[in-house]
């Protein structure tokens, strides 16, 4: 059963800061071609 987000919930999720882990993983995705490494 799907729950609908309230306006305050939707606003909070947009303003949430990225965690250090999320920033690190996003940076690693840009630097390392994981799809090529996985193919090997």
C-alpha atoms as a PDB file:
ATOM      1  CA  UNK A   1       0.000   0.000   0.000  1.00  0.00           C
ATOM      2  CA  UNK A   2       1.523   3.307  -1.083  1.00  0.00           C
ATOM      3  CA  UNK A   3       1.653   6.179   1.364  1.00  0.00           C
ATOM      4  CA  UNK A   4       1.362   9.714   0.099  1.00  0.00           C
ATOM      5  CA  UNK A   5       3.943  12.218   1.314  1.00  0.00           C
ATOM      6  CA  UNK A   6       2.725  15.313   3.068  1.00  0.00           C
ATOM      7  CA  UNK A   7       3.988  18.691   1.913  1.00  0.00           C
ATOM      8  CA  UNK A   8       6.301  18.955   4.929  1.00  0.00           C
ATOM      9  CA  UNK A   9       7.732  15.465   4.286  1.00  0.00           C
ATOM     10  CA  UNK A  10       8.347  16.252   0.623  1.00  0.00           C
ATOM     11  CA  UNK A  11      10.000  19.553   1.492  1.00  0.00           C
ATOM     12  CA  UNK A  12      12.205  17.890   4.121  1.00  0.00           C
ATOM     13  CA  UNK A  13      13.455  15.212   1.717  1.00  0.00           C
ATOM     14  CA  UNK A  14      14.476  17.871  -0.824  1.00  0.00           C
ATOM     15  CA  UNK A  15      16.356  19.942   1.760  1.00  0.00           C
ATOM     16  CA  UNK A  16      18.089  17.009   3.440  1.00  0.00           C
ATOM     17  CA  UNK A  17      21.871  17.352   3.292  1.00  0.00           C
ATOM     18  CA  UNK A  18      23.926  14.611   1.708  1.00  0.00           C
ATOM     19  CA  UNK A  19      25.803  12.470   4.171  1.00  0.00           C
ATOM     20  CA  UNK A  20      29.576  12.148   3.907  1.00  0.00           C
ATOM     21  CA  UNK A  21      29.082   8.571   2.736  1.00  0.00           C
ATOM     22  CA  UNK A  22      26.700   9.653  -0.051  1.00  0.00           C
ATOM     23  CA  UNK A  23      29.125  12.377  -1.180  1.00  0.00           C
ATOM     24  CA  UNK A  24      32.024   9.905  -1.160  1.00  0.00           C
ATOM     25  CA  UNK A  25      30.120   7.300  -3.170  1.00  0.00           C
ATOM     26  CA  UNK A  26      28.952   9.882  -5.705  1.00  0.00           C
ATOM     27  CA  UNK A  27      32.540  11.063  -6.155  1.00  0.00           C
ATOM     28  CA  UNK A  28      33.824   7.501  -6.541  1.00  0.00           C
ATOM     29  CA  UNK A  29      31.161   6.799  -9.190  1.00  0.00           C
ATOM     30  CA  UNK A  30      32.499   9.742 -11.203  1.00  0.00           C
ATOM     31  CA  UNK A  31      36.167   8.764 -10.818  1.00  0.00           C
ATOM     32  CA  UNK A  32      36.033   4.993 -11.325  1.00  0.00           C
ATOM     33  CA  UNK A  33      34.318   3.264 -14.265  1.00  0.00           C
ATOM     34  CA  UNK A  34      32.609   0.563 -12.177  1.00  0.00           C
ATOM     35  CA  UNK A  35      30.719  -0.929 -15.129  1.00  0.00           C
ATOM     36  CA  UNK A  36      34.028  -1.781 -16.818  1.00  0.00           C
ATOM     37  CA  UNK A  37      35.484  -3.262 -13.633  1.00  0.00           C
ATOM     38  CA  UNK A  38      32.387  -5.390 -13.106  1.00  0.00           C
ATOM     39  CA  UNK A  39      32.649  -6.724 -16.659  1.00  0.00           C
ATOM     40  CA  UNK A  40      36.112  -8.100 -15.881  1.00  0.00           C
END
